[in-house]
Protein backbone atom coordinates (compact mmCIF):
# COMPACT_ATOMS: atom_id res chain seq x y z
CA MET A 1 0.22 -0.71 -0.01
CA SER A 2 2.73 2.58 0.86
CA ASP A 3 4.27 1.35 -2.52
CA MET A 4 1.68 3.42 -4.41
CA PRO A 5 2.33 6.43 -6.27
CA ARG A 6 0.96 9.44 -4.99
CA ASP A 7 -0.07 12.58 -6.94
CA HIS A 8 2.31 15.66 -5.54
CA LEU A 9 0.37 18.67 -6.97
CA HIS A 10 2.77 22.03 -6.52
CA PRO A 11 0.92 25.41 -5.64
CA GLU A 12 1.19 26.33 -9.12
CA ASP A 13 -0.28 23.49 -10.16
CA LEU A 14 -2.95 24.18 -7.66
CA ALA A 15 -3.24 27.97 -8.51
CA GLU A 16 -5.63 27.92 -11.62
CA PRO A 17 -8.04 26.13 -10.44
CA ALA A 18 -8.65 27.74 -7.13
CA GLU A 19 -8.30 31.10 -9.17
CA LYS A 20 -11.25 30.31 -11.34
CA VAL A 21 -13.12 29.12 -8.21
CA ALA A 22 -12.49 32.86 -6.53
CA ARG A 23 -13.34 34.54 -9.59
CA GLU A 24 -16.68 32.25 -10.29
CA ARG A 25 -17.58 33.03 -6.44
CA LEU A 26 -17.08 36.52 -6.85
CA GLU A 27 -19.33 37.14 -10.00
CA ALA A 28 -21.77 35.27 -7.76
CA GLU A 29 -21.80 37.79 -5.00
CA MET A 30 -21.46 40.73 -7.24
CA LYS A 31 -24.89 39.13 -8.89
CA ARG A 32 -26.76 38.71 -5.88
CA ALA A 33 -25.24 42.22 -4.75
CA LEU A 34 -26.83 43.94 -7.75
CA TRP A 35 -29.99 42.02 -7.32
CA ALA A 36 -30.15 43.39 -4.16
CA GLN A 37 -29.60 47.00 -5.45
CA GLN A 38 -32.17 46.67 -7.76
CA ALA A 39 -34.80 45.25 -5.35
CA SER A 40 -33.81 47.70 -3.22
CA ARG A 41 -34.78 50.70 -5.45
CA SER A 42 -37.77 49.17 -7.20
CA TRP A 43 -38.97 48.78 -3.51
CA ALA A 44 -38.21 52.54 -2.56
CA ALA A 45 -39.90 53.28 -5.83
CA LEU A 46 -43.04 51.22 -4.69
CA THR A 47 -43.35 52.86 -1.35
CA ALA A 48 -42.39 56.04 -2.80
CA ALA A 49 -45.45 55.78 -5.28
CA LYS A 50 -47.85 54.21 -2.60
CA ALA A 51 -47.11 57.37 -0.45
CA SER A 52 -47.86 60.00 -3.32
CA GLN A 53 -51.29 58.55 -3.91
CA PRO A 54 -52.98 57.97 -0.57
CA ASN A 55 -56.11 55.76 0.03
CA LEU A 56 -55.63 53.17 -2.89
């Protein structure tokens, strides 16, 4: 069992996949932030419209 070859990955071999994962995670966070910003603006616009037209 100890005679089996092992994969020795060097840091430079791991850098590209790690960078890709980090980039994908950042893109997902940015999409969520953009969605939240748009939702907040929509909510603010809806609230302002209701406030300017009472009793609807």
